[in-house]
Amino acid sequence: MSGFRLSTRGVAQRLLIVFLAGVLWLTASLFSPAYAADSTDAKRYITADGMDLTAVVQCVPKELSQGNLARALSESQNDFIEKVFDVKDNYDDYKLDATEIAYLSCLESKGVTPQVKR
């Protein structure tokens, strides 16, 4: 009978230690500081080579992220071929759509110099 009591006491002590460790862990996690980087609002978009594309993703207008044949046809009239082959020296000399202007402005407001402005 005394052997049973010793094993029961050992199990009870181990359970008490595990319970106290759990309570300590829980209280420590409740009072730890919360960082903004852990938030889903601060989601970052990093390429495999380490380039940060977060500003680009945040600035892409809805019109440019969805396929639209009418928009594509109207864009083809805005010096599209000249832009592809980089005919003009200054990008501001091309005819630009309002959506493209808004996208470039957004990039510049986030501190990113668009490739076409370099």
PDB file of N, CA and C in Angstrom:
ATOM      1  N   MET A   1       0.809  -1.193   0.000  1.00  0.00           N
ATOM      2  CA  MET A   1       0.000   0.000   0.000  1.00  0.00           C
ATOM      3  C   MET A   1       0.852   1.256   0.000  1.00  0.00           C
ATOM      4  N   SER A   2       1.984   1.196   0.709  1.00  0.00           N
ATOM      5  CA  SER A   2       2.840   2.377   0.771  1.00  0.00           C
ATOM      6  C   SER A   2       3.475   2.665  -0.589  1.00  0.00           C
ATOM      7  N   GLY A   3       3.704   1.616  -1.394  1.00  0.00           N
ATOM      8  CA  GLY A   3       4.232   1.815  -2.735  1.00  0.00           C
ATOM      9  C   GLY A   3       3.248   2.558  -3.625  1.00  0.00           C
ATOM     10  N   PHE A   4       1.958   2.239  -3.453  1.00  0.00           N
ATOM     11  CA  PHE A   4       0.913   2.920  -4.228  1.00  0.00           C
ATOM     12  C   PHE A   4       0.828   4.398  -3.850  1.00  0.00           C
ATOM     13  N   ARG A   5       0.963   4.673  -2.539  1.00  0.00           N
ATOM     14  CA  ARG A   5       0.918   6.068  -2.075  1.00  0.00           C
ATOM     15  C   ARG A   5       2.093   6.866  -2.618  1.00  0.00           C
ATOM     16  N   LEU A   6       3.273   6.276  -2.663  1.00  0.00           N
ATOM     17  CA  LEU A   6       4.450   6.970  -3.162  1.00  0.00           C
ATOM     18  C   LEU A   6       4.312   7.282  -4.659  1.00  0.00           C
ATOM     19  N   SER A   7       3.786   6.330  -5.417  1.00  0.00           N
ATOM     20  CA  SER A   7       3.627   6.584  -6.847  1.00  0.00           C
ATOM     21  C   SER A   7       2.540   7.621  -7.101  1.00  0.00           C
ATOM     22  N   THR A   8       1.476   7.602  -6.301  1.00  0.00           N
ATOM     23  CA  THR A   8       0.408   8.590  -6.441  1.00  0.00           C
ATOM     24  C   THR A   8       0.921   9.980  -6.075  1.00  0.00           C
ATOM     25  N   ARG A   9       1.727  10.047  -5.011  1.00  0.00           N
ATOM     26  CA  ARG A   9       2.285  11.338  -4.601  1.00  0.00           C
ATOM     27  C   ARG A   9       3.221  11.877  -5.686  1.00  0.00           C
ATOM     28  N   GLY A  10       4.015  11.018  -6.294  1.00  0.00           N
ATOM     29  CA  GLY A  10       4.925  11.445  -7.358  1.00  0.00           C
ATOM     30  C   GLY A  10       4.174  11.966  -8.577  1.00  0.00           C
ATOM     31  N   VAL A  11       3.101  11.274  -8.929  1.00  0.00           N
ATOM     32  CA  VAL A  11       2.280  11.719 -10.063  1.00  0.00           C
ATOM     33  C   VAL A  11       1.625  13.052  -9.747  1.00  0.00           C
ATOM     34  N   ALA A  12       1.117  13.202  -8.524  1.00  0.00           N
ATOM     35  CA  ALA A  12       0.470  14.452  -8.131  1.00  0.00           C
ATOM     36  C   ALA A  12       1.468  15.602  -8.148  1.00  0.00           C
ATOM     37  N   GLN A  13       2.705  15.355  -7.703  1.00  0.00           N
ATOM     38  CA  GLN A  13       3.721  16.401  -7.718  1.00  0.00           C
ATOM     39  C   GLN A  13       4.073  16.804  -9.156  1.00  0.00           C
ATOM     40  N   ARG A  14       4.188  15.825 -10.017  1.00  0.00           N
ATOM     41  CA  ARG A  14       4.506  16.134 -11.420  1.00  0.00           C
ATOM     42  C   ARG A  14       3.378  16.935 -12.081  1.00  0.00           C
ATOM     43  N   LEU A  15       2.138  16.535 -11.799  1.00  0.00           N
ATOM     44  CA  LEU A  15       1.000  17.285 -12.354  1.00  0.00           C
ATOM     45  C   LEU A  15       0.971  18.712 -11.835  1.00  0.00           C
ATOM     46  N   LEU A  16       1.279  18.899 -10.550  1.00  0.00           N
ATOM     47  CA  LEU A  16       1.303  20.235  -9.972  1.00  0.00           C
ATOM     48  C   LEU A  16       2.407  21.081 -10.613  1.00  0.00           C
ATOM     49  N   ILE A  17       3.557  20.485 -10.848  1.00  0.00           N
ATOM     50  CA  ILE A  17       4.666  21.213 -11.488  1.00  0.00           C
ATOM     51  C   ILE A  17       4.288  21.611 -12.915  1.00  0.00           C
ATOM     52  N   VAL A  18       3.682  20.697 -13.671  1.00  0.00           N
ATOM     53  CA  VAL A  18       3.260  21.008 -15.036  1.00  0.00           C
ATOM     54  C   VAL A  18       2.202  22.101 -15.028  1.00  0.00           C
ATOM     55  N   PHE A  19       1.261  22.039 -14.077  1.00  0.00           N
ATOM     56  CA  PHE A  19       0.218  23.051 -13.971  1.00  0.00           C
ATOM     57  C   PHE A  19       0.816  24.422 -13.671  1.00  0.00           C
ATOM     58  N   LEU A  20       1.745  24.487 -12.725  1.00  0.00           N
ATOM     59  CA  LEU A  20       2.375  25.766 -12.373  1.00  0.00           C
ATOM     60  C   LEU A  20       3.209  26.315 -13.533  1.00  0.00           C
ATOM     61  N   ALA A  21       3.899  25.436 -14.251  1.00  0.00           N
ATOM     62  CA  ALA A  21       4.673  25.882 -15.409  1.00  0.00           C
ATOM     63  C   ALA A  21       3.740  26.454 -16.485  1.00  0.00           C
ATOM     64  N   GLY A  22       2.601  25.822 -16.685  1.00  0.00           N
ATOM     65  CA  GLY A  22       1.618  26.322 -17.650  1.00  0.00           C
ATOM     66  C   GLY A  22       1.073  27.683 -17.259  1.00  0.00           C
ATOM     67  N   VAL A  23       0.791  27.865 -15.974  1.00  0.00           N
ATOM     68  CA  VAL A  23       0.283  29.151 -15.495  1.00  0.00           C
ATOM     69  C   VAL A  23       1.346  30.233 -15.680  1.00  0.00           C
ATOM     70  N   LEU A  24       2.606  29.917 -15.379  1.00  0.00           N
ATOM     71  CA  LEU A  24       3.681  30.883 -15.576  1.00  0.00           C
ATOM     72  C   LEU A  24       3.837  31.250 -17.049  1.00  0.00           C
ATOM     73  N   TRP A  25       3.770  30.274 -17.928  1.00  0.00           N
ATOM     74  CA  TRP A  25       3.891  30.538 -19.368  1.00  0.00           C
ATOM     75  C   TRP A  25       2.739  31.412 -19.849  1.00  0.00           C
ATOM     76  N   LEU A  26       1.526  31.108 -19.373  1.00  0.00           N
ATOM     77  CA  LEU A  26       0.355  31.876 -19.789  1.00  0.00           C
ATOM     78  C   LEU A  26       0.448  33.323 -19.323  1.00  0.00           C
ATOM     79  N   THR A  27       0.843  33.551 -18.077  1.00  0.00           N
ATOM     80  CA  THR A  27       0.950  34.931 -17.594  1.00  0.00           C
ATOM     81  C   THR A  27       2.065  35.679 -18.308  1.00  0.00           C
ATOM     82  N   ALA A  28       3.156  34.989 -18.627  1.00  0.00           N
ATOM     83  CA  ALA A  28       4.246  35.651 -19.351  1.00  0.00           C
ATOM     84  C   ALA A  28       3.801  36.050 -20.755  1.00  0.00           C
ATOM     85  N   SER A  29       3.007  35.203 -21.404  1.00  0.00           N
ATOM     86  CA  SER A  29       2.559  35.529 -22.758  1.00  0.00           C
ATOM     87  C   SER A  29       1.499  36.623 -22.758  1.00  0.00           C
ATOM     88  N   LEU A  30       0.734  36.745 -21.693  1.00  0.00           N
ATOM     89  CA  LEU A  30      -0.279  37.804 -21.628  1.00  0.00           C
ATOM     90  C   LEU A  30       0.338  39.186 -21.478  1.00  0.00           C
ATOM     91  N   PHE A  31       1.475  39.261 -20.802  1.00  0.00           N
ATOM     92  CA  PHE A  31       2.080  40.555 -20.539  1.00  0.00           C
ATOM     93  C   PHE A  31       3.249  40.877 -21.454  1.00  0.00           C
ATOM     94  N   SER A  32       3.478  40.058 -22.463  1.00  0.00           N
ATOM     95  CA  SER A  32       4.554  40.358 -23.406  1.00  0.00           C
ATOM     96  C   SER A  32       4.078  41.432 -24.379  1.00  0.00           C
ATOM     97  N   PRO A  33       4.999  42.280 -24.890  1.00  0.00           N
ATOM     98  CA  PRO A  33       4.583  43.362 -25.800  1.00  0.00           C
ATOM     99  C   PRO A  33       4.138  42.814 -27.155  1.00  0.00           C
ATOM    100  N   ALA A  34       3.176  43.490 -27.750  1.00  0.00           N
ATOM    101  CA  ALA A  34       2.705  43.123 -29.088  1.00  0.00           C
ATOM    102  C   ALA A  34       3.430  44.002 -30.095  1.00  0.00           C
ATOM    103  N   TYR A  35       3.942  43.404 -31.138  1.00  0.00           N
ATOM    104  CA  TYR A  35       4.678  44.136 -32.156  1.00  0.00           C
ATOM    105  C   TYR A  35       3.825  44.319 -33.395  1.00  0.00           C
ATOM    106  N   ALA A  36       3.978  45.462 -34.061  1.00  0.00           N
ATOM    107  CA  ALA A  36       3.198  45.753 -35.262  1.00  0.00           C
ATOM    108  C   ALA A  36       3.543  44.801 -36.393  1.00  0.00           C
ATOM    109  N   ALA A  37       4.764  44.295 -36.431  1.00  0.00           N
ATOM    110  CA  ALA A  37       5.173  43.398 -37.508  1.00  0.00           C
ATOM    111  C   ALA A  37       4.411  42.076 -37.456  1.00  0.00           C
ATOM    112  N   ASP A  38       3.876  41.718 -36.289  1.00  0.00           N
ATOM    113  CA  ASP A  38       3.110  40.489 -36.167  1.00  0.00           C
ATOM    114  C   ASP A  38       1.683  40.651 -36.664  1.00  0.00           C
ATOM    115  N   SER A  39       1.275  41.875 -36.903  1.00  0.00           N
ATOM    116  CA  SER A  39      -0.082  42.162 -37.337  1.00  0.00           C
ATOM    117  C   SER A  39      -0.277  41.772 -38.800  1.00  0.00           C
ATOM    118  N   THR A  40      -1.521  41.380 -39.147  1.00  0.00           N
ATOM    119  CA  THR A  40      -1.799  41.055 -40.545  1.00  0.00           C
ATOM    120  C   THR A  40      -1.868  42.316 -41.399  1.00  0.00           C
ATOM    121  N   ASP A  41      -2.067  43.491 -40.752  1.00  0.00           N
ATOM    122  CA  ASP A  41      -2.103  44.749 -41.503  1.00  0.00           C
ATOM    123  C   ASP A  41      -0.722  45.112 -42.036  1.00  0.00           C
ATOM    124  N   ALA A  42       0.310  44.599 -41.416  1.00  0.00           N
ATOM    125  CA  ALA A  42       1.675  44.928 -41.817  1.00  0.00           C
ATOM    126  C   ALA A  42       2.275  43.823 -42.679  1.00  0.00           C
ATOM    127  N   LYS A  43       1.480  43.213 -43.516  1.00  0.00           N
ATOM    128  CA  LYS A  43       1.969  42.125 -44.345  1.00  0.00           C
ATOM    129  C   LYS A  43       2.995  42.651 -45.344  1.00  0.00           C
ATOM    130  N   ARG A  44       4.101  41.952 -45.460  1.00  0.00           N
ATOM    131  CA  ARG A  44       5.185  42.343 -46.341  1.00  0.00           C
ATOM    132  C   ARG A  44       5.261  41.368 -47.506  1.00  0.00           C
ATOM    133  N   TYR A  45       5.639  41.850 -48.659  1.00  0.00           N
ATOM    134  CA  TYR A  45       5.808  41.035 -49.853  1.00  0.00           C
ATOM    135  C   TYR A  45       7.276  41.113 -50.263  1.00  0.00           C
ATOM    136  N   ILE A  46       8.010  40.051 -49.970  1.00  0.00           N
ATOM    137  CA  ILE A  46       9.442  40.000 -50.224  1.00  0.00           C
ATOM    138  C   ILE A  46       9.720  38.921 -51.272  1.00  0.00           C
ATOM    139  N   THR A  47      10.511  39.254 -52.286  1.00  0.00           N
ATOM    140  CA  THR A  47      10.866  38.269 -53.312  1.00  0.00           C
ATOM    141  C   THR A  47      11.944  37.332 -52.774  1.00  0.00           C
ATOM    142  N   ALA A  48      12.224  36.288 -53.525  1.00  0.00           N
ATOM    143  CA  ALA A  48      13.220  35.308 -53.101  1.00  0.00           C
ATOM    144  C   ALA A  48      14.609  35.923 -52.982  1.00  0.00           C
ATOM    145  N   ASP A  49      14.891  36.952 -53.774  1.00  0.00           N
ATOM    146  CA  ASP A  49      16.214  37.574 -53.699  1.00  0.00           C
ATOM    147  C   ASP A  49      16.267  38.727 -52.691  1.00  0.00           C
ATOM    148  N   GLY A  50      15.198  38.933 -51.906  1.00  0.00           N
ATOM    149  CA  GLY A  50      15.196  39.920 -50.836  1.00  0.00           C
ATOM    150  C   GLY A  50      14.632  41.274 -51.193  1.00  0.00           C
ATOM    151  N   MET A  51      14.105  41.433 -52.393  1.00  0.00           N
ATOM    152  CA  MET A  51      13.557  42.724 -52.810  1.00  0.00           C
ATOM    153  C   MET A  51      12.151  42.902 -52.204  1.00  0.00           C
ATOM    154  N   ASP A  52      11.903  44.070 -51.626  1.00  0.00           N
ATOM    155  CA  ASP A  52      10.619  44.359 -50.992  1.00  0.00           C
ATOM    156  C   ASP A  52       9.652  44.937 -52.023  1.00  0.00           C
ATOM    157  N   LEU A  53       8.555  44.222 -52.291  1.00  0.00           N
ATOM    158  CA  LEU A  53       7.556  44.660 -53.266  1.00  0.00           C
ATOM    159  C   LEU A  53       6.262  45.126 -52.603  1.00  0.00           C
ATOM    160  N   THR A  54       6.300  45.400 -51.309  1.00  0.00           N
ATOM    161  CA  THR A  54       5.101  45.767 -50.563  1.00  0.00           C
ATOM    162  C   THR A  54       4.436  47.018 -51.144  1.00  0.00           C
ATOM    163  N   ALA A  55       5.214  48.052 -51.444  1.00  0.00           N
ATOM    164  CA  ALA A  55       4.650  49.291 -51.985  1.00  0.00           C
ATOM    165  C   ALA A  55       4.000  49.049 -53.342  1.00  0.00           C
ATOM    166  N   VAL A  56       4.612  48.217 -54.158  1.00  0.00           N
ATOM    167  CA  VAL A  56       4.057  47.921 -55.481  1.00  0.00           C
ATOM    168  C   VAL A  56       2.710  47.222 -55.335  1.00  0.00           C
ATOM    169  N   VAL A  57       2.634  46.249 -54.438  1.00  0.00           N
ATOM    170  CA  VAL A  57       1.385  45.505 -54.235  1.00  0.00           C
ATOM    171  C   VAL A  57       0.302  46.416 -53.683  1.00  0.00           C
ATOM    172  N   GLN A  58       0.666  47.296 -52.767  1.00  0.00           N
ATOM    173  CA  GLN A  58      -0.319  48.197 -52.173  1.00  0.00           C
ATOM    174  C   GLN A  58      -0.817  49.242 -53.167  1.00  0.00           C
ATOM    175  N   CYS A  59      -0.010  49.583 -54.165  1.00  0.00           N
ATOM    176  CA  CYS A  59      -0.373  50.648 -55.102  1.00  0.00           C
ATOM    177  C   CYS A  59      -1.107  50.164 -56.352  1.00  0.00           C
ATOM    178  N   VAL A  60      -1.077  48.872 -56.651  1.00  0.00           N
ATOM    179  CA  VAL A  60      -1.708  48.396 -57.887  1.00  0.00           C
ATOM    180  C   VAL A  60      -3.210  48.680 -57.827  1.00  0.00           C
ATOM    181  N   PRO A  61      -3.719  49.506 -58.745  1.00  0.00           N
ATOM    182  CA  PRO A  61      -5.155  49.806 -58.760  1.00  0.00           C
ATOM    183  C   PRO A  61      -5.963  48.584 -59.195  1.00  0.00           C
ATOM    184  N   LYS A  62      -7.196  48.543 -58.779  1.00  0.00           N
ATOM    185  CA  LYS A  62      -8.068  47.420 -59.110  1.00  0.00           C
ATOM    186  C   LYS A  62      -8.200  47.269 -60.632  1.00  0.00           C
ATOM    187  N   GLU A  63      -8.232  48.388 -61.342  1.00  0.00           N
ATOM    188  CA  GLU A  63      -8.382  48.346 -62.798  1.00  0.00           C
ATOM    189  C   GLU A  63      -7.208  47.625 -63.468  1.00  0.00           C
ATOM    190  N   LEU A  64      -6.005  47.751 -62.893  1.00  0.00           N
ATOM    191  CA  LEU A  64      -4.836  47.124 -63.495  1.00  0.00           C
ATOM    192  C   LEU A  64      -4.651  45.675 -63.044  1.00  0.00           C
ATOM    193  N   SER A  65      -5.342  45.269 -62.001  1.00  0.00           N
ATOM    194  CA  SER A  65      -5.167  43.903 -61.507  1.00  0.00           C
ATOM    195  C   SER A  65      -6.186  42.935 -62.098  1.00  0.00           C
ATOM    196  N   GLN A  66      -7.118  43.433 -62.892  1.00  0.00           N
ATOM    197  CA  GLN A  66      -8.138  42.576 -63.511  1.00  0.00           C
ATOM    198  C   GLN A  66      -8.066  42.729 -65.027  1.00  0.00           C
ATOM    199  N   GLY A  67      -8.309  41.622 -65.712  1.00  0.00           N
ATOM    200  CA  GLY A  67      -8.318  41.659 -67.168  1.00  0.00           C
ATOM    201  C   GLY A  67      -9.548  42.381 -67.691  1.00  0.00           C
ATOM    202  N   ASN A  68      -9.350  43.249 -68.697  1.00  0.00           N
ATOM    203  CA  ASN A  68     -10.460  43.998 -69.271  1.00  0.00           C
ATOM    204  C   ASN A  68     -10.079  44.335 -70.714  1.00  0.00           C
ATOM    205  N   LEU A  69     -10.785  43.732 -71.660  1.00  0.00           N
ATOM    206  CA  LEU A  69     -10.465  43.917 -73.071  1.00  0.00           C
ATOM    207  C   LEU A  69     -10.640  45.367 -73.512  1.00  0.00           C
ATOM    208  N   ALA A  70     -11.701  46.019 -73.052  1.00  0.00           N
ATOM    209  CA  ALA A  70     -11.942  47.416 -73.440  1.00  0.00           C
ATOM    210  C   ALA A  70     -10.802  48.312 -72.954  1.00  0.00           C
ATOM    211  N   ARG A  71     -10.342  48.093 -71.719  1.00  0.00           N
ATOM    212  CA  ARG A  71      -9.237  48.881 -71.194  1.00  0.00           C
ATOM    213  C   ARG A  71      -7.956  48.593 -71.977  1.00  0.00           C
ATOM    214  N   ALA A  72      -7.737  47.324 -72.313  1.00  0.00           N
ATOM    215  CA  ALA A  72      -6.532  46.958 -73.076  1.00  0.00           C
ATOM    216  C   ALA A  72      -6.531  47.631 -74.442  1.00  0.00           C
ATOM    217  N   LEU A  73      -7.698  47.685 -75.092  1.00  0.00           N
ATOM    218  CA  LEU A  73      -7.787  48.341 -76.397  1.00  0.00           C
ATOM    219  C   LEU A  73      -7.561  49.841 -76.278  1.00  0.00           C
ATOM    220  N   SER A  74      -8.109  50.448 -75.244  1.00  0.00           N
ATOM    221  CA  SER A  74      -7.900  51.892 -75.074  1.00  0.00           C
ATOM    222  C   SER A  74      -6.447  52.190 -74.709  1.00  0.00           C
ATOM    223  N   GLU A  75      -5.809  51.296 -73.964  1.00  0.00           N
ATOM    224  CA  GLU A  75      -4.391  51.484 -73.623  1.00  0.00           C
ATOM    225  C   GLU A  75      -3.499  51.368 -74.857  1.00  0.00           C
ATOM    226  N   SER A  76      -3.924  50.558 -75.823  1.00  0.00           N
ATOM    227  CA  SER A  76      -3.098  50.383 -77.021  1.00  0.00           C
ATOM    228  C   SER A  76      -2.990  51.684 -77.818  1.00  0.00           C
ATOM    229  N   GLN A  77      -3.910  52.599 -77.574  1.00  0.00           N
ATOM    230  CA  GLN A  77      -3.848  53.896 -78.243  1.00  0.00           C
ATOM    231  C   GLN A  77      -2.935  54.876 -77.508  1.00  0.00           C
ATOM    232  N   ASN A  78      -2.521  54.546 -76.308  1.00  0.00           N
ATOM    233  CA  ASN A  78      -1.703  55.449 -75.493  1.00  0.00           C
ATOM    234  C   ASN A  78      -0.215  55.146 -75.653  1.00  0.00           C
ATOM    235  N   ASP A  79       0.292  55.194 -76.848  1.00  0.00           N
ATOM    236  CA  ASP A  79       1.712  54.984 -77.127  1.00  0.00           C
ATOM    237  C   ASP A  79       2.229  53.662 -76.559  1.00  0.00           C
ATOM    238  N   PHE A  80       1.395  52.632 -76.594  1.00  0.00           N
ATOM    239  CA  PHE A  80       1.766  51.354 -75.992  1.00  0.00           C
ATOM    240  C   PHE A  80       3.029  50.765 -76.625  1.00  0.00           C
ATOM    241  N   ILE A  81       3.061  50.699 -77.945  1.00  0.00           N
ATOM    242  CA  ILE A  81       4.221  50.122 -78.645  1.00  0.00           C
ATOM    243  C   ILE A  81       5.477  50.949 -78.370  1.00  0.00           C
ATOM    244  N   GLU A  82       5.330  52.281 -78.355  1.00  0.00           N
ATOM    245  CA  GLU A  82       6.475  53.134 -78.074  1.00  0.00           C
ATOM    246  C   GLU A  82       7.008  52.905 -76.658  1.00  0.00           C
ATOM    247  N   LYS A  83       6.085  52.694 -75.683  1.00  0.00           N
ATOM    248  CA  LYS A  83       6.506  52.417 -74.315  1.00  0.00           C
ATOM    249  C   LYS A  83       7.239  51.086 -74.229  1.00  0.00           C
ATOM    250  N   VAL A  84       6.734  50.085 -74.939  1.00  0.00           N
ATOM    251  CA  VAL A  84       7.363  48.754 -74.895  1.00  0.00           C
ATOM    252  C   VAL A  84       8.790  48.819 -75.407  1.00  0.00           C
ATOM    253  N   PHE A  85       9.001  49.534 -76.494  1.00  0.00           N
ATOM    254  CA  PHE A  85      10.336  49.606 -77.095  1.00  0.00           C
ATOM    255  C   PHE A  85      11.147  50.805 -76.607  1.00  0.00           C
ATOM    256  N   ASP A  86      10.611  51.555 -75.648  1.00  0.00           N
ATOM    257  CA  ASP A  86      11.318  52.670 -75.020  1.00  0.00           C
ATOM    258  C   ASP A  86      11.864  53.643 -76.065  1.00  0.00           C
ATOM    259  N   VAL A  87      10.949  54.143 -76.914  1.00  0.00           N
ATOM    260  CA  VAL A  87      11.327  54.999 -78.031  1.00  0.00           C
ATOM    261  C   VAL A  87      11.705  56.405 -77.565  1.00  0.00           C
ATOM    262  N   LYS A  88      10.944  56.954 -76.632  1.00  0.00           N
ATOM    263  CA  LYS A  88      11.174  58.336 -76.204  1.00  0.00           C
ATOM    264  C   LYS A  88      12.150  58.377 -75.030  1.00  0.00           C
ATOM    265  N   ASP A  89      12.888  59.466 -74.933  1.00  0.00           N
ATOM    266  CA  ASP A  89      13.878  59.611 -73.870  1.00  0.00           C
ATOM    267  C   ASP A  89      13.239  59.839 -72.500  1.00  0.00           C
ATOM    268  N   ASN A  90      12.141  60.587 -72.473  1.00  0.00           N
ATOM    269  CA  ASN A  90      11.488  60.917 -71.213  1.00  0.00           C
ATOM    270  C   ASN A  90      10.131  60.215 -71.142  1.00  0.00           C
ATOM    271  N   TYR A  91       9.868  59.496 -70.052  1.00  0.00           N
ATOM    272  CA  TYR A  91       8.614  58.748 -69.922  1.00  0.00           C
ATOM    273  C   TYR A  91       7.410  59.682 -69.853  1.00  0.00           C
ATOM    274  N   ASP A  92       7.595  60.882 -69.373  1.00  0.00           N
ATOM    275  CA  ASP A  92       6.491  61.839 -69.282  1.00  0.00           C
ATOM    276  C   ASP A  92       6.010  62.301 -70.653  1.00  0.00           C
ATOM    277  N   ASP A  93       6.768  62.036 -71.720  1.00  0.00           N
ATOM    278  CA  ASP A  93       6.362  62.422 -73.071  1.00  0.00           C
ATOM    279  C   ASP A  93       5.302  61.480 -73.657  1.00  0.00           C
ATOM    280  N   TYR A  94       5.127  60.303 -73.063  1.00  0.00           N
ATOM    281  CA  TYR A  94       4.113  59.355 -73.554  1.00  0.00           C
ATOM    282  C   TYR A  94       2.728  59.773 -73.096  1.00  0.00           C
ATOM    283  N   LYS A  95       1.700  59.324 -73.853  1.00  0.00           N
ATOM    284  CA  LYS A  95       0.320  59.512 -73.410  1.00  0.00           C
ATOM    285  C   LYS A  95       0.063  58.492 -72.314  1.00  0.00           C
ATOM    286  N   LEU A  96      -0.343  58.970 -71.128  1.00  0.00           N
ATOM    287  CA  LEU A  96      -0.560  58.085 -69.985  1.00  0.00           C
ATOM    288  C   LEU A  96      -2.028  58.078 -69.587  1.00  0.00           C
ATOM    289  N   ASP A  97      -2.526  56.931 -69.235  1.00  0.00           N
ATOM    290  CA  ASP A  97      -3.887  56.763 -68.733  1.00  0.00           C
ATOM    291  C   ASP A  97      -3.953  57.288 -67.298  1.00  0.00           C
ATOM    292  N   ALA A  98      -5.124  57.720 -66.862  1.00  0.00           N
ATOM    293  CA  ALA A  98      -5.289  58.241 -65.497  1.00  0.00           C
ATOM    294  C   ALA A  98      -4.936  57.179 -64.459  1.00  0.00           C
ATOM    295  N   THR A  99      -5.235  55.909 -64.740  1.00  0.00           N
ATOM    296  CA  THR A  99      -4.921  54.829 -63.809  1.00  0.00           C
ATOM    297  C   THR A  99      -3.417  54.665 -63.674  1.00  0.00           C
ATOM    298  N   GLU A 100      -2.703  54.747 -64.778  1.00  0.00           N
ATOM    299  CA  GLU A 100      -1.248  54.628 -64.747  1.00  0.00           C
ATOM    300  C   GLU A 100      -0.625  55.805 -64.008  1.00  0.00           C
ATOM    301  N   ILE A 101      -1.166  56.988 -64.194  1.00  0.00           N
ATOM    302  CA  ILE A 101      -0.665  58.173 -63.489  1.00  0.00           C
ATOM    303  C   ILE A 101      -0.877  58.012 -61.982  1.00  0.00           C
ATOM    304  N   ALA A 102      -2.060  57.514 -61.589  1.00  0.00           N
ATOM    305  CA  ALA A 102      -2.347  57.297 -60.170  1.00  0.00           C
ATOM    306  C   ALA A 102      -1.402  56.248 -59.577  1.00  0.00           C
ATOM    307  N   TYR A 103      -1.107  55.197 -60.331  1.00  0.00           N
ATOM    308  CA  TYR A 103      -0.197  54.146 -59.866  1.00  0.00           C
ATOM    309  C   TYR A 103       1.212  54.697 -59.656  1.00  0.00           C
ATOM    310  N   LEU A 104       1.708  55.453 -60.617  1.00  0.00           N
ATOM    311  CA  LEU A 104       3.046  56.037 -60.499  1.00  0.00           C
ATOM    312  C   LEU A 104       3.116  57.038 -59.343  1.00  0.00           C
ATOM    313  N   SER A 105       2.055  57.808 -59.149  1.00  0.00           N
ATOM    314  CA  SER A 105       2.008  58.771 -58.041  1.00  0.00           C
ATOM    315  C   SER A 105       2.023  58.051 -56.699  1.00  0.00           C
ATOM    316  N   CYS A 106       1.280  56.967 -56.607  1.00  0.00           N
ATOM    317  CA  CYS A 106       1.235  56.193 -55.370  1.00  0.00           C
ATOM    318  C   CYS A 106       2.618  55.629 -55.039  1.00  0.00           C
ATOM    319  N   LEU A 107       3.297  55.098 -56.053  1.00  0.00           N
ATOM    320  CA  LEU A 107       4.648  54.570 -55.820  1.00  0.00           C
ATOM    321  C   LEU A 107       5.582  55.656 -55.303  1.00  0.00           C
ATOM    322  N   GLU A 108       5.519  56.828 -55.932  1.00  0.00           N
ATOM    323  CA  GLU A 108       6.393  57.920 -55.513  1.00  0.00           C
ATOM    324  C   GLU A 108       6.044  58.417 -54.109  1.00  0.00           C
ATOM    325  N   SER A 109       4.750  58.372 -53.742  1.00  0.00           N
ATOM    326  CA  SER A 109       4.356  58.797 -52.393  1.00  0.00           C
ATOM    327  C   SER A 109       4.860  57.832 -51.326  1.00  0.00           C
ATOM    328  N   LYS A 110       5.099  56.580 -51.698  1.00  0.00           N
ATOM    329  CA  LYS A 110       5.633  55.589 -50.757  1.00  0.00           C
ATOM    330  C   LYS A 110       7.154  55.545 -50.773  1.00  0.00           C
ATOM    331  N   GLY A 111       7.769  56.442 -51.521  1.00  0.00           N
ATOM    332  CA  GLY A 111       9.219  56.525 -51.539  1.00  0.00           C
ATOM    333  C   GLY A 111       9.893  55.599 -52.538  1.00  0.00           C
ATOM    334  N   VAL A 112       9.129  55.055 -53.472  1.00  0.00           N
ATOM    335  CA  VAL A 112       9.683  54.158 -54.485  1.00  0.00           C
ATOM    336  C   VAL A 112       9.778  54.914 -55.797  1.00  0.00           C
ATOM    337  N   THR A 113      10.945  54.906 -56.397  1.00  0.00           N
ATOM    338  CA  THR A 113      11.112  55.517 -57.712  1.00  0.00           C
ATOM    339  C   THR A 113      10.781  54.468 -58.761  1.00  0.00           C
ATOM    340  N   PRO A 114       9.723  54.676 -59.548  1.00  0.00           N
ATOM    341  CA  PRO A 114       9.358  53.684 -60.563  1.00  0.00           C
ATOM    342  C   PRO A 114      10.491  53.475 -61.575  1.00  0.00           C
ATOM    343  N   GLN A 115      10.577  52.296 -62.108  1.00  0.00           N
ATOM    344  CA  GLN A 115      11.627  51.949 -63.056  1.00  0.00           C
ATOM    345  C   GLN A 115      11.610  52.898 -64.256  1.00  0.00           C
ATOM    346  N   VAL A 116      10.431  53.325 -64.673  1.00  0.00           N
ATOM    347  CA  VAL A 116      10.337  54.191 -65.854  1.00  0.00           C
ATOM    348  C   VAL A 116      10.876  55.596 -65.577  1.00  0.00           C
ATOM    349  N   LYS A 117      11.009  55.970 -64.317  1.00  0.00           N
ATOM    350  CA  LYS A 117      11.518  57.303 -63.965  1.00  0.00           C
ATOM    351  C   LYS A 117      13.020  57.293 -63.710  1.00  0.00           C
ATOM    352  N   ARG A 118      13.652  56.120 -63.754  1.00  0.00           N
ATOM    353  CA  ARG A 118      15.104  56.027 -63.471  1.00  0.00           C
ATOM    354  C   ARG A 118      15.921  56.324 -64.669  1.00  0.00           C
TER     355      ARG A 118
END
